[in-house]
Amino acid sequence: MVVKKSHPTFAVPNYGAKKRKRVKERWRKQRGMDNKKRIKRSGYGATPKIGYKNSDTIRHLRPDGTFEFLIHNEKELNDAMLRPGTSVRFANGVSIRKKQVLQKIADSKGVNVVNRVKI
């Protein structure tokens, strides 16, 4: 089980204000001259910093500790099966019929499929 660092949600300032309902919940870097969040005043929320980054050993890992590969075809699946401790995810553009074929190959080799399809 891989436990990654937690970090606060990074939102634009005044996100919860009543008159700012049109502001979407996403991060935008603050660029205004007098912006309180840009000058890091307390109470205005956290900004992304390098300190929130996870260590290199656990970055890009799934919670079960495996590295995930995006699969488009059978060749990519065979390449992913060469590396031990991997999980595969079928790409969105792969048809259901092809996903079923690839899933049977993955099951026979004992590879974990993240987004399984019903056979």
PDB file of N, CA and C in Angstrom:
ATOM      1  N   MET A   1       0.845  -1.183   0.000  1.00  0.00           N
ATOM      2  CA  MET A   1       0.000   0.000   0.000  1.00  0.00           C
ATOM      3  C   MET A   1       0.884   1.237   0.000  1.00  0.00           C
ATOM      4  N   VAL A   2       0.725   2.080  -0.987  1.00  0.00           N
ATOM      5  CA  VAL A   2       1.512   3.298  -1.103  1.00  0.00           C
ATOM      6  C   VAL A   2       0.716   4.440  -0.491  1.00  0.00           C
ATOM      7  N   VAL A   3       1.321   5.149   0.442  1.00  0.00           N
ATOM      8  CA  VAL A   3       0.683   6.305   1.063  1.00  0.00           C
ATOM      9  C   VAL A   3       1.414   7.552   0.596  1.00  0.00           C
ATOM     10  N   LYS A   4       0.702   8.365  -0.164  1.00  0.00           N
ATOM     11  CA  LYS A   4       1.302   9.594  -0.671  1.00  0.00           C
ATOM     12  C   LYS A   4       0.978  10.753   0.264  1.00  0.00           C
ATOM     13  N   LYS A   5       1.745  11.834   0.123  1.00  0.00           N
ATOM     14  CA  LYS A   5       1.490  13.028   0.932  1.00  0.00           C
ATOM     15  C   LYS A   5       0.126  13.605   0.579  1.00  0.00           C
ATOM     16  N   SER A   6      -0.502  14.198   1.552  1.00  0.00           N
ATOM     17  CA  SER A   6      -1.749  14.898   1.278  1.00  0.00           C
ATOM     18  C   SER A   6      -1.454  16.379   1.160  1.00  0.00           C
ATOM     19  N   HIS A   7      -2.275  17.067   0.404  1.00  0.00           N
ATOM     20  CA  HIS A   7      -2.124  18.514   0.272  1.00  0.00           C
ATOM     21  C   HIS A   7      -3.506  19.150   0.232  1.00  0.00           C
ATOM     22  N   PRO A   8      -3.599  20.422   0.573  1.00  0.00           N
ATOM     23  CA  PRO A   8      -4.903  21.074   0.550  1.00  0.00           C
ATOM     24  C   PRO A   8      -5.378  21.287  -0.876  1.00  0.00           C
ATOM     25  N   THR A   9      -6.649  21.570  -1.018  1.00  0.00           N
ATOM     26  CA  THR A   9      -7.165  21.893  -2.343  1.00  0.00           C
ATOM     27  C   THR A   9      -6.736  23.305  -2.695  1.00  0.00           C
ATOM     28  N   PHE A  10      -6.238  23.468  -3.894  1.00  0.00           N
ATOM     29  CA  PHE A  10      -5.770  24.776  -4.344  1.00  0.00           C
ATOM     30  C   PHE A  10      -6.889  25.429  -5.147  1.00  0.00           C
ATOM     31  N   ALA A  11      -7.467  26.473  -4.614  1.00  0.00           N
ATOM     32  CA  ALA A  11      -8.581  27.146  -5.272  1.00  0.00           C
ATOM     33  C   ALA A  11      -8.233  28.605  -5.505  1.00  0.00           C
ATOM     34  N   VAL A  12      -8.980  29.232  -6.405  1.00  0.00           N
ATOM     35  CA  VAL A  12      -8.784  30.655  -6.653  1.00  0.00           C
ATOM     36  C   VAL A  12      -9.293  31.419  -5.441  1.00  0.00           C
ATOM     37  N   PRO A  13      -8.788  32.622  -5.174  1.00  0.00           N
ATOM     38  CA  PRO A  13      -9.277  33.368  -4.015  1.00  0.00           C
ATOM     39  C   PRO A  13     -10.737  33.765  -4.198  1.00  0.00           C
ATOM     40  N   ASN A  14     -11.433  33.915  -3.081  1.00  0.00           N
ATOM     41  CA  ASN A  14     -12.848  34.276  -3.044  1.00  0.00           C
ATOM     42  C   ASN A  14     -13.718  33.214  -3.696  1.00  0.00           C
ATOM     43  N   TYR A  15     -13.251  31.982  -3.687  1.00  0.00           N
ATOM     44  CA  TYR A  15     -14.051  30.931  -4.323  1.00  0.00           C
ATOM     45  C   TYR A  15     -15.380  30.735  -3.609  1.00  0.00           C
ATOM     46  N   GLY A  16     -15.375  30.813  -2.282  1.00  0.00           N
ATOM     47  CA  GLY A  16     -16.602  30.573  -1.532  1.00  0.00           C
ATOM     48  C   GLY A  16     -17.479  31.793  -1.344  1.00  0.00           C
ATOM     49  N   ALA A  17     -17.097  32.943  -1.883  1.00  0.00           N
ATOM     50  CA  ALA A  17     -17.878  34.160  -1.686  1.00  0.00           C
ATOM     51  C   ALA A  17     -19.224  34.060  -2.399  1.00  0.00           C
ATOM     52  N   LYS A  18     -20.237  34.679  -1.834  1.00  0.00           N
ATOM     53  CA  LYS A  18     -21.589  34.583  -2.386  1.00  0.00           C
ATOM     54  C   LYS A  18     -21.693  35.236  -3.758  1.00  0.00           C
ATOM     55  N   LYS A  19     -21.004  36.338  -3.923  1.00  0.00           N
ATOM     56  CA  LYS A  19     -21.142  37.041  -5.199  1.00  0.00           C
ATOM     57  C   LYS A  19     -20.210  36.489  -6.286  1.00  0.00           C
ATOM     58  N   ARG A  20     -19.408  35.461  -5.955  1.00  0.00           N
ATOM     59  CA  ARG A  20     -18.478  34.901  -6.929  1.00  0.00           C
ATOM     60  C   ARG A  20     -18.872  33.481  -7.316  1.00  0.00           C
ATOM     61  N   LYS A  21     -20.152  33.206  -7.479  1.00  0.00           N
ATOM     62  CA  LYS A  21     -20.603  31.854  -7.792  1.00  0.00           C
ATOM     63  C   LYS A  21     -20.131  31.405  -9.168  1.00  0.00           C
ATOM     64  N   ARG A  22     -19.798  32.322 -10.033  1.00  0.00           N
ATOM     65  CA  ARG A  22     -19.367  31.969 -11.384  1.00  0.00           C
ATOM     66  C   ARG A  22     -17.922  31.471 -11.407  1.00  0.00           C
ATOM     67  N   VAL A  23     -17.183  31.624 -10.293  1.00  0.00           N
ATOM     68  CA  VAL A  23     -15.794  31.185 -10.242  1.00  0.00           C
ATOM     69  C   VAL A  23     -15.762  29.672 -10.084  1.00  0.00           C
ATOM     70  N   LYS A  24     -15.130  28.995 -11.023  1.00  0.00           N
ATOM     71  CA  LYS A  24     -15.053  27.534 -10.976  1.00  0.00           C
ATOM     72  C   LYS A  24     -13.979  27.098  -9.990  1.00  0.00           C
ATOM     73  N   GLU A  25     -14.122  25.872  -9.494  1.00  0.00           N
ATOM     74  CA  GLU A  25     -13.166  25.337  -8.529  1.00  0.00           C
ATOM     75  C   GLU A  25     -11.969  24.771  -9.284  1.00  0.00           C
ATOM     76  N   ARG A  26     -10.955  25.575  -9.467  1.00  0.00           N
ATOM     77  CA  ARG A  26      -9.732  25.155 -10.141  1.00  0.00           C
ATOM     78  C   ARG A  26      -8.631  26.095  -9.722  1.00  0.00           C
ATOM     79  N   TRP A  27      -7.401  25.785 -10.081  1.00  0.00           N
ATOM     80  CA  TRP A  27      -6.281  26.620  -9.692  1.00  0.00           C
ATOM     81  C   TRP A  27      -5.875  27.510 -10.844  1.00  0.00           C
ATOM     82  N   ARG A  28      -5.719  28.791 -10.567  1.00  0.00           N
ATOM     83  CA  ARG A  28      -5.146  29.736 -11.506  1.00  0.00           C
ATOM     84  C   ARG A  28      -4.102  30.539 -10.745  1.00  0.00           C
ATOM     85  N   LYS A  29      -2.931  30.688 -11.310  1.00  0.00           N
ATOM     86  CA  LYS A  29      -1.877  31.445 -10.631  1.00  0.00           C
ATOM     87  C   LYS A  29      -2.305  32.895 -10.495  1.00  0.00           C
ATOM     88  N   GLN A  30      -2.047  33.454  -9.318  1.00  0.00           N
ATOM     89  CA  GLN A  30      -2.453  34.823  -9.042  1.00  0.00           C
ATOM     90  C   GLN A  30      -1.425  35.795  -9.621  1.00  0.00           C
ATOM     91  N   ARG A  31      -1.880  36.794 -10.374  1.00  0.00           N
ATOM     92  CA  ARG A  31      -0.964  37.707 -11.048  1.00  0.00           C
ATOM     93  C   ARG A  31      -1.230  39.185 -10.751  1.00  0.00           C
ATOM     94  N   GLY A  32      -2.239  39.474  -9.955  1.00  0.00           N
ATOM     95  CA  GLY A  32      -2.556  40.868  -9.685  1.00  0.00           C
ATOM     96  C   GLY A  32      -1.533  41.537  -8.773  1.00  0.00           C
ATOM     97  N   MET A  33      -1.374  42.841  -8.933  1.00  0.00           N
ATOM     98  CA  MET A  33      -0.378  43.592  -8.160  1.00  0.00           C
ATOM     99  C   MET A  33      -0.675  43.555  -6.664  1.00  0.00           C
ATOM    100  N   ASP A  34      -1.935  43.708  -6.300  1.00  0.00           N
ATOM    101  CA  ASP A  34      -2.297  43.759  -4.888  1.00  0.00           C
ATOM    102  C   ASP A  34      -2.953  42.479  -4.403  1.00  0.00           C
ATOM    103  N   ASN A  35      -2.787  41.398  -5.115  1.00  0.00           N
ATOM    104  CA  ASN A  35      -3.467  40.159  -4.754  1.00  0.00           C
ATOM    105  C   ASN A  35      -2.909  39.605  -3.454  1.00  0.00           C
ATOM    106  N   LYS A  36      -3.811  39.345  -2.519  1.00  0.00           N
ATOM    107  CA  LYS A  36      -3.395  38.891  -1.189  1.00  0.00           C
ATOM    108  C   LYS A  36      -2.857  37.468  -1.224  1.00  0.00           C
ATOM    109  N   LYS A  37      -3.410  36.652  -2.080  1.00  0.00           N
ATOM    110  CA  LYS A  37      -2.957  35.274  -2.157  1.00  0.00           C
ATOM    111  C   LYS A  37      -1.564  35.210  -2.784  1.00  0.00           C
ATOM    112  N   ARG A  38      -1.287  36.078  -3.734  1.00  0.00           N
ATOM    113  CA  ARG A  38       0.024  36.082  -4.375  1.00  0.00           C
ATOM    114  C   ARG A  38       1.118  36.473  -3.396  1.00  0.00           C
ATOM    115  N   ILE A  39       0.810  37.406  -2.487  1.00  0.00           N
ATOM    116  CA  ILE A  39       1.823  37.828  -1.519  1.00  0.00           C
ATOM    117  C   ILE A  39       1.778  36.978  -0.244  1.00  0.00           C
ATOM    118  N   LYS A  40       1.002  35.882  -0.295  1.00  0.00           N
ATOM    119  CA  LYS A  40       0.977  34.848   0.748  1.00  0.00           C
ATOM    120  C   LYS A  40       0.509  35.373   2.108  1.00  0.00           C
ATOM    121  N   ARG A  41      -0.564  36.157   2.103  1.00  0.00           N
ATOM    122  CA  ARG A  41      -1.188  36.563   3.360  1.00  0.00           C
ATOM    123  C   ARG A  41      -1.881  35.361   3.976  1.00  0.00           C
ATOM    124  N   SER A  42      -1.946  35.298   5.292  1.00  0.00           N
ATOM    125  CA  SER A  42      -2.584  34.161   5.945  1.00  0.00           C
ATOM    126  C   SER A  42      -4.098  34.251   5.794  1.00  0.00           C
ATOM    127  N   GLY A  43      -4.721  33.099   5.718  1.00  0.00           N
ATOM    128  CA  GLY A  43      -6.167  33.044   5.613  1.00  0.00           C
ATOM    129  C   GLY A  43      -6.691  33.044   4.197  1.00  0.00           C
ATOM    130  N   TYR A  44      -5.835  33.109   3.205  1.00  0.00           N
ATOM    131  CA  TYR A  44      -6.289  33.167   1.821  1.00  0.00           C
ATOM    132  C   TYR A  44      -6.112  31.844   1.091  1.00  0.00           C
ATOM    133  N   GLY A  45      -5.690  30.806   1.776  1.00  0.00           N
ATOM    134  CA  GLY A  45      -5.575  29.498   1.158  1.00  0.00           C
ATOM    135  C   GLY A  45      -4.163  29.197   0.701  1.00  0.00           C
ATOM    136  N   ALA A  46      -3.906  27.928   0.473  1.00  0.00           N
ATOM    137  CA  ALA A  46      -2.568  27.479   0.091  1.00  0.00           C
ATOM    138  C   ALA A  46      -2.341  27.628  -1.399  1.00  0.00           C
ATOM    139  N   THR A  47      -1.069  27.771  -1.754  1.00  0.00           N
ATOM    140  CA  THR A  47      -0.669  27.813  -3.155  1.00  0.00           C
ATOM    141  C   THR A  47       0.245  26.614  -3.422  1.00  0.00           C
ATOM    142  N   PRO A  48       0.266  26.100  -4.635  1.00  0.00           N
ATOM    143  CA  PRO A  48       1.141  24.958  -4.930  1.00  0.00           C
ATOM    144  C   PRO A  48       2.605  25.318  -4.748  1.00  0.00           C
ATOM    145  N   LYS A  49       3.335  24.439  -4.067  1.00  0.00           N
ATOM    146  CA  LYS A  49       4.770  24.639  -3.841  1.00  0.00           C
ATOM    147  C   LYS A  49       5.472  23.308  -4.069  1.00  0.00           C
ATOM    148  N   ILE A  50       6.779  23.351  -4.224  1.00  0.00           N
ATOM    149  CA  ILE A  50       7.565  22.151  -4.457  1.00  0.00           C
ATOM    150  C   ILE A  50       7.527  21.220  -3.256  1.00  0.00           C
ATOM    151  N   GLY A  51       7.229  21.744  -2.081  1.00  0.00           N
ATOM    152  CA  GLY A  51       7.208  20.924  -0.882  1.00  0.00           C
ATOM    153  C   GLY A  51       6.075  19.912  -0.846  1.00  0.00           C
ATOM    154  N   TYR A  52       5.041  20.100  -1.662  1.00  0.00           N
ATOM    155  CA  TYR A  52       3.944  19.150  -1.714  1.00  0.00           C
ATOM    156  C   TYR A  52       4.272  17.951  -2.589  1.00  0.00           C
ATOM    157  N   LYS A  53       5.395  17.985  -3.279  1.00  0.00           N
ATOM    158  CA  LYS A  53       5.775  16.917  -4.206  1.00  0.00           C
ATOM    159  C   LYS A  53       6.138  15.648  -3.432  1.00  0.00           C
ATOM    160  N   ASN A  54       5.736  14.489  -3.972  1.00  0.00           N
ATOM    161  CA  ASN A  54       6.066  13.206  -3.360  1.00  0.00           C
ATOM    162  C   ASN A  54       7.482  12.797  -3.741  1.00  0.00           C
ATOM    163  N   SER A  55       8.046  11.849  -3.014  1.00  0.00           N
ATOM    164  CA  SER A  55       9.390  11.394  -3.318  1.00  0.00           C
ATOM    165  C   SER A  55       9.395  10.631  -4.635  1.00  0.00           C
ATOM    166  N   ASP A  56      10.577  10.542  -5.247  1.00  0.00           N
ATOM    167  CA  ASP A  56      10.693   9.924  -6.558  1.00  0.00           C
ATOM    168  C   ASP A  56      10.324   8.446  -6.536  1.00  0.00           C
ATOM    169  N   THR A  57      10.480   7.792  -5.394  1.00  0.00           N
ATOM    170  CA  THR A  57      10.203   6.360  -5.339  1.00  0.00           C
ATOM    171  C   THR A  57       8.719   6.047  -5.417  1.00  0.00           C
ATOM    172  N   ILE A  58       7.855   6.969  -5.001  1.00  0.00           N
ATOM    173  CA  ILE A  58       6.424   6.680  -5.017  1.00  0.00           C
ATOM    174  C   ILE A  58       5.638   7.548  -5.991  1.00  0.00           C
ATOM    175  N   ARG A  59       6.289   8.442  -6.702  1.00  0.00           N
ATOM    176  CA  ARG A  59       5.558   9.257  -7.672  1.00  0.00           C
ATOM    177  C   ARG A  59       5.060   8.388  -8.816  1.00  0.00           C
ATOM    178  N   HIS A  60       3.882   8.695  -9.312  1.00  0.00           N
ATOM    179  CA  HIS A  60       3.231   8.015 -10.443  1.00  0.00           C
ATOM    180  C   HIS A  60       2.871   6.565 -10.127  1.00  0.00           C
ATOM    181  N   LEU A  61       2.812   6.190  -8.864  1.00  0.00           N
ATOM    182  CA  LEU A  61       2.409   4.840  -8.505  1.00  0.00           C
ATOM    183  C   LEU A  61       0.933   4.812  -8.129  1.00  0.00           C
ATOM    184  N   ARG A  62       0.308   3.681  -8.374  1.00  0.00           N
ATOM    185  CA  ARG A  62      -1.065   3.478  -7.943  1.00  0.00           C
ATOM    186  C   ARG A  62      -1.077   3.162  -6.451  1.00  0.00           C
ATOM    187  N   PRO A  63      -2.233   3.241  -5.791  1.00  0.00           N
ATOM    188  CA  PRO A  63      -2.279   2.942  -4.358  1.00  0.00           C
ATOM    189  C   PRO A  63      -1.849   1.527  -4.001  1.00  0.00           C
ATOM    190  N   ASP A  64      -1.971   0.580  -4.950  1.00  0.00           N
ATOM    191  CA  ASP A  64      -1.534  -0.781  -4.659  1.00  0.00           C
ATOM    192  C   ASP A  64      -0.045  -0.983  -4.899  1.00  0.00           C
ATOM    193  N   GLY A  65       0.671   0.063  -5.286  1.00  0.00           N
ATOM    194  CA  GLY A  65       2.120  -0.001  -5.439  1.00  0.00           C
ATOM    195  C   GLY A  65       2.597  -0.392  -6.818  1.00  0.00           C
ATOM    196  N   THR A  66       1.704  -0.451  -7.799  1.00  0.00           N
ATOM    197  CA  THR A  66       2.099  -0.819  -9.152  1.00  0.00           C
ATOM    198  C   THR A  66       2.117   0.399 -10.050  1.00  0.00           C
ATOM    199  N   PHE A  67       2.925   0.323 -11.098  1.00  0.00           N
ATOM    200  CA  PHE A  67       2.995   1.389 -12.087  1.00  0.00           C
ATOM    201  C   PHE A  67       1.965   1.111 -13.169  1.00  0.00           C
ATOM    202  N   GLU A  68       1.300   2.135 -13.654  1.00  0.00           N
ATOM    203  CA  GLU A  68       0.211   1.952 -14.603  1.00  0.00           C
ATOM    204  C   GLU A  68       0.662   2.286 -16.016  1.00  0.00           C
ATOM    205  N   PHE A  69       0.310   1.417 -16.969  1.00  0.00           N
ATOM    206  CA  PHE A  69       0.597   1.638 -18.384  1.00  0.00           C
ATOM    207  C   PHE A  69      -0.709   1.847 -19.136  1.00  0.00           C
ATOM    208  N   LEU A  70      -0.707   2.766 -20.082  1.00  0.00           N
ATOM    209  CA  LEU A  70      -1.854   2.995 -20.948  1.00  0.00           C
ATOM    210  C   LEU A  70      -1.669   2.141 -22.194  1.00  0.00           C
ATOM    211  N   ILE A  71      -2.648   1.292 -22.485  1.00  0.00           N
ATOM    212  CA  ILE A  71      -2.539   0.308 -23.548  1.00  0.00           C
ATOM    213  C   ILE A  71      -3.468   0.672 -24.699  1.00  0.00           C
ATOM    214  N   HIS A  72      -2.908   0.695 -25.920  1.00  0.00           N
ATOM    215  CA  HIS A  72      -3.698   0.926 -27.127  1.00  0.00           C
ATOM    216  C   HIS A  72      -3.808  -0.321 -27.998  1.00  0.00           C
ATOM    217  N   ASN A  73      -2.815  -1.205 -27.923  1.00  0.00           N
ATOM    218  CA  ASN A  73      -2.811  -2.379 -28.797  1.00  0.00           C
ATOM    219  C   ASN A  73      -2.075  -3.531 -28.114  1.00  0.00           C
ATOM    220  N   GLU A  74      -2.000  -4.646 -28.822  1.00  0.00           N
ATOM    221  CA  GLU A  74      -1.409  -5.854 -28.250  1.00  0.00           C
ATOM    222  C   GLU A  74       0.097  -5.726 -28.046  1.00  0.00           C
ATOM    223  N   LYS A  75       0.770  -4.979 -28.904  1.00  0.00           N
ATOM    224  CA  LYS A  75       2.217  -4.791 -28.762  1.00  0.00           C
ATOM    225  C   LYS A  75       2.544  -4.056 -27.463  1.00  0.00           C
ATOM    226  N   GLU A  76       1.789  -3.018 -27.160  1.00  0.00           N
ATOM    227  CA  GLU A  76       2.009  -2.280 -25.915  1.00  0.00           C
ATOM    228  C   GLU A  76       1.708  -3.157 -24.697  1.00  0.00           C
ATOM    229  N   LEU A  77       0.711  -4.038 -24.828  1.00  0.00           N
ATOM    230  CA  LEU A  77       0.402  -4.943 -23.727  1.00  0.00           C
ATOM    231  C   LEU A  77       1.552  -5.919 -23.492  1.00  0.00           C
ATOM    232  N   ASN A  78       2.140  -6.439 -24.561  1.00  0.00           N
ATOM    233  CA  ASN A  78       3.277  -7.355 -24.418  1.00  0.00           C
ATOM    234  C   ASN A  78       4.482  -6.644 -23.810  1.00  0.00           C
ATOM    235  N   ASP A  79       4.708  -5.382 -24.188  1.00  0.00           N
ATOM    236  CA  ASP A  79       5.811  -4.618 -23.600  1.00  0.00           C
ATOM    237  C   ASP A  79       5.586  -4.376 -22.117  1.00  0.00           C
ATOM    238  N   ALA A  80       4.326  -4.112 -21.734  1.00  0.00           N
ATOM    239  CA  ALA A  80       4.011  -3.861 -20.326  1.00  0.00           C
ATOM    240  C   ALA A  80       4.146  -5.123 -19.500  1.00  0.00           C
ATOM    241  N   MET A  81       3.877  -6.279 -20.096  1.00  0.00           N
ATOM    242  CA  MET A  81       3.951  -7.537 -19.355  1.00  0.00           C
ATOM    243  C   MET A  81       5.387  -7.938 -19.055  1.00  0.00           C
ATOM    244  N   LEU A  82       6.348  -7.360 -19.775  1.00  0.00           N
ATOM    245  CA  LEU A  82       7.747  -7.681 -19.518  1.00  0.00           C
ATOM    246  C   LEU A  82       8.235  -7.111 -18.194  1.00  0.00           C
ATOM    247  N   ARG A  83       7.609  -6.020 -17.740  1.00  0.00           N
ATOM    248  CA  ARG A  83       8.008  -5.386 -16.482  1.00  0.00           C
ATOM    249  C   ARG A  83       7.184  -5.962 -15.341  1.00  0.00           C
ATOM    250  N   PRO A  84       7.829  -6.432 -14.290  1.00  0.00           N
ATOM    251  CA  PRO A  84       7.055  -6.989 -13.165  1.00  0.00           C
ATOM    252  C   PRO A  84       6.400  -5.878 -12.343  1.00  0.00           C
ATOM    253  N   GLY A  85       5.278  -6.199 -11.735  1.00  0.00           N
ATOM    254  CA  GLY A  85       4.589  -5.257 -10.851  1.00  0.00           C
ATOM    255  C   GLY A  85       3.958  -4.107 -11.587  1.00  0.00           C
ATOM    256  N   THR A  86       3.233  -4.397 -12.686  1.00  0.00           N
ATOM    257  CA  THR A  86       2.583  -3.346 -13.452  1.00  0.00           C
ATOM    258  C   THR A  86       1.088  -3.591 -13.526  1.00  0.00           C
ATOM    259  N   SER A  87       0.356  -2.526 -13.717  1.00  0.00           N
ATOM    260  CA  SER A  87      -1.066  -2.587 -14.010  1.00  0.00           C
ATOM    261  C   SER A  87      -1.267  -1.939 -15.366  1.00  0.00           C
ATOM    262  N   VAL A  88      -2.298  -2.352 -16.070  1.00  0.00           N
ATOM    263  CA  VAL A  88      -2.567  -1.770 -17.385  1.00  0.00           C
ATOM    264  C   VAL A  88      -3.948  -1.137 -17.380  1.00  0.00           C
ATOM    265  N   ARG A  89      -4.081  -0.086 -18.165  1.00  0.00           N
ATOM    266  CA  ARG A  89      -5.355   0.591 -18.364  1.00  0.00           C
ATOM    267  C   ARG A  89      -5.577   0.700 -19.864  1.00  0.00           C
ATOM    268  N   PHE A  90      -6.752   0.295 -20.320  1.00  0.00           N
ATOM    269  CA  PHE A  90      -7.064   0.386 -21.738  1.00  0.00           C
ATOM    270  C   PHE A  90      -7.410   1.823 -22.091  1.00  0.00           C
ATOM    271  N   ALA A  91      -6.902   2.287 -23.207  1.00  0.00           N
ATOM    272  CA  ALA A  91      -7.153   3.663 -23.646  1.00  0.00           C
ATOM    273  C   ALA A  91      -8.609   3.824 -24.046  1.00  0.00           C
ATOM    274  N   ASN A  92      -9.064   5.051 -24.049  1.00  0.00           N
ATOM    275  CA  ASN A  92     -10.458   5.341 -24.345  1.00  0.00           C
ATOM    276  C   ASN A  92     -10.819   5.017 -25.784  1.00  0.00           C
ATOM    277  N   GLY A  93      -9.870   5.147 -26.705  1.00  0.00           N
ATOM    278  CA  GLY A  93     -10.164   4.935 -28.109  1.00  0.00           C
ATOM    279  C   GLY A  93     -10.180   3.485 -28.539  1.00  0.00           C
ATOM    280  N   VAL A  94      -9.894   2.546 -27.643  1.00  0.00           N
ATOM    281  CA  VAL A  94      -9.889   1.131 -27.980  1.00  0.00           C
ATOM    282  C   VAL A  94     -11.320   0.620 -27.948  1.00  0.00           C
ATOM    283  N   SER A  95     -11.723  -0.138 -28.976  1.00  0.00           N
ATOM    284  CA  SER A  95     -13.091  -0.634 -29.047  1.00  0.00           C
ATOM    285  C   SER A  95     -13.320  -1.718 -27.990  1.00  0.00           C
ATOM    286  N   ILE A  96     -14.589  -1.976 -27.703  1.00  0.00           N
ATOM    287  CA  ILE A  96     -14.940  -2.964 -26.685  1.00  0.00           C
ATOM    288  C   ILE A  96     -14.484  -4.350 -27.110  1.00  0.00           C
ATOM    289  N   ARG A  97     -14.625  -4.664 -28.381  1.00  0.00           N
ATOM    290  CA  ARG A  97     -14.217  -5.985 -28.874  1.00  0.00           C
ATOM    291  C   ARG A  97     -12.719  -6.185 -28.688  1.00  0.00           C
ATOM    292  N   LYS A  98     -11.929  -5.148 -28.981  1.00  0.00           N
ATOM    293  CA  LYS A  98     -10.483  -5.244 -28.821  1.00  0.00           C
ATOM    294  C   LYS A  98     -10.105  -5.302 -27.346  1.00  0.00           C
ATOM    295  N   LYS A  99     -10.844  -4.559 -26.505  1.00  0.00           N
ATOM    296  CA  LYS A  99     -10.585  -4.605 -25.063  1.00  0.00           C
ATOM    297  C   LYS A  99     -10.804  -6.011 -24.510  1.00  0.00           C
ATOM    298  N   GLN A 100     -11.831  -6.703 -25.016  1.00  0.00           N
ATOM    299  CA  GLN A 100     -12.105  -8.058 -24.550  1.00  0.00           C
ATOM    300  C   GLN A 100     -10.972  -9.002 -24.936  1.00  0.00           C
ATOM    301  N   VAL A 101     -10.442  -8.830 -26.146  1.00  0.00           N
ATOM    302  CA  VAL A 101      -9.322  -9.670 -26.590  1.00  0.00           C
ATOM    303  C   VAL A 101      -8.086  -9.397 -25.746  1.00  0.00           C
ATOM    304  N   LEU A 102      -7.793  -8.107 -25.528  1.00  0.00           N
ATOM    305  CA  LEU A 102      -6.620  -7.739 -24.735  1.00  0.00           C
ATOM    306  C   LEU A 102      -6.767  -8.190 -23.285  1.00  0.00           C
ATOM    307  N   GLN A 103      -7.985  -8.138 -22.770  1.00  0.00           N
ATOM    308  CA  GLN A 103      -8.210  -8.534 -21.379  1.00  0.00           C
ATOM    309  C   GLN A 103      -7.993 -10.028 -21.195  1.00  0.00           C
ATOM    310  N   LYS A 104      -8.380 -10.833 -22.182  1.00  0.00           N
ATOM    311  CA  LYS A 104      -8.142 -12.277 -22.091  1.00  0.00           C
ATOM    312  C   LYS A 104      -6.651 -12.575 -22.082  1.00  0.00           C
ATOM    313  N   ILE A 105      -5.891 -11.835 -22.892  1.00  0.00           N
ATOM    314  CA  ILE A 105      -4.436 -12.025 -22.912  1.00  0.00           C
ATOM    315  C   ILE A 105      -3.840 -11.630 -21.569  1.00  0.00           C
ATOM    316  N   ALA A 106      -4.300 -10.495 -21.025  1.00  0.00           N
ATOM    317  CA  ALA A 106      -3.785 -10.018 -19.735  1.00  0.00           C
ATOM    318  C   ALA A 106      -4.127 -10.989 -18.615  1.00  0.00           C
ATOM    319  N   ASP A 107      -5.332 -11.550 -18.633  1.00  0.00           N
ATOM    320  CA  ASP A 107      -5.732 -12.502 -17.596  1.00  0.00           C
ATOM    321  C   ASP A 107      -4.905 -13.773 -17.661  1.00  0.00           C
ATOM    322  N   SER A 108      -4.596 -14.212 -18.872  1.00  0.00           N
ATOM    323  CA  SER A 108      -3.799 -15.436 -18.995  1.00  0.00           C
ATOM    324  C   SER A 108      -2.372 -15.235 -18.492  1.00  0.00           C
ATOM    325  N   LYS A 109      -1.857 -14.004 -18.605  1.00  0.00           N
ATOM    326  CA  LYS A 109      -0.499 -13.706 -18.138  1.00  0.00           C
ATOM    327  C   LYS A 109      -0.462 -13.225 -16.695  1.00  0.00           C
ATOM    328  N   GLY A 110      -1.641 -12.983 -16.094  1.00  0.00           N
ATOM    329  CA  GLY A 110      -1.695 -12.556 -14.697  1.00  0.00           C
ATOM    330  C   GLY A 110      -1.414 -11.083 -14.491  1.00  0.00           C
ATOM    331  N   VAL A 111      -1.764 -10.261 -15.464  1.00  0.00           N
ATOM    332  CA  VAL A 111      -1.550  -8.814 -15.364  1.00  0.00           C
ATOM    333  C   VAL A 111      -2.835  -8.164 -14.870  1.00  0.00           C
ATOM    334  N   ASN A 112      -2.714  -7.214 -13.945  1.00  0.00           N
ATOM    335  CA  ASN A 112      -3.873  -6.523 -13.393  1.00  0.00           C
ATOM    336  C   ASN A 112      -4.396  -5.501 -14.394  1.00  0.00           C
ATOM    337  N   VAL A 113      -5.702  -5.544 -14.686  1.00  0.00           N
ATOM    338  CA  VAL A 113      -6.342  -4.584 -15.581  1.00  0.00           C
ATOM    339  C   VAL A 113      -7.169  -3.637 -14.729  1.00  0.00           C
ATOM    340  N   VAL A 114      -6.916  -2.342 -14.860  1.00  0.00           N
ATOM    341  CA  VAL A 114      -7.570  -1.352 -14.004  1.00  0.00           C
ATOM    342  C   VAL A 114      -9.020  -1.146 -14.427  1.00  0.00           C
ATOM    343  N   ASN A 115      -9.259  -0.913 -15.706  1.00  0.00           N
ATOM    344  CA  ASN A 115     -10.619  -0.674 -16.183  1.00  0.00           C
ATOM    345  C   ASN A 115     -11.098  -1.899 -16.976  1.00  0.00           C
ATOM    346  N   ARG A 116     -11.530  -2.892 -16.235  1.00  0.00           N
ATOM    347  CA  ARG A 116     -11.961  -4.144 -16.853  1.00  0.00           C
ATOM    348  C   ARG A 116     -13.291  -3.970 -17.578  1.00  0.00           C
ATOM    349  N   VAL A 117     -13.503  -4.792 -18.602  1.00  0.00           N
ATOM    350  CA  VAL A 117     -14.775  -4.808 -19.318  1.00  0.00           C
ATOM    351  C   VAL A 117     -15.447  -6.139 -19.054  1.00  0.00           C
ATOM    352  N   LYS A 118     -16.763  -6.170 -19.194  1.00  0.00           N
ATOM    353  CA  LYS A 118     -17.499  -7.409 -18.987  1.00  0.00           C
ATOM    354  C   LYS A 118     -17.330  -8.296 -20.209  1.00  0.00           C
ATOM    355  N   ILE A 119     -17.009  -9.538 -19.982  1.00  0.00           N
ATOM    356  CA  ILE A 119     -16.816 -10.477 -21.091  1.00  0.00           C
ATOM    357  C   ILE A 119     -18.041 -11.370 -21.201  1.00  0.00           C
TER     358      ILE A 119
END
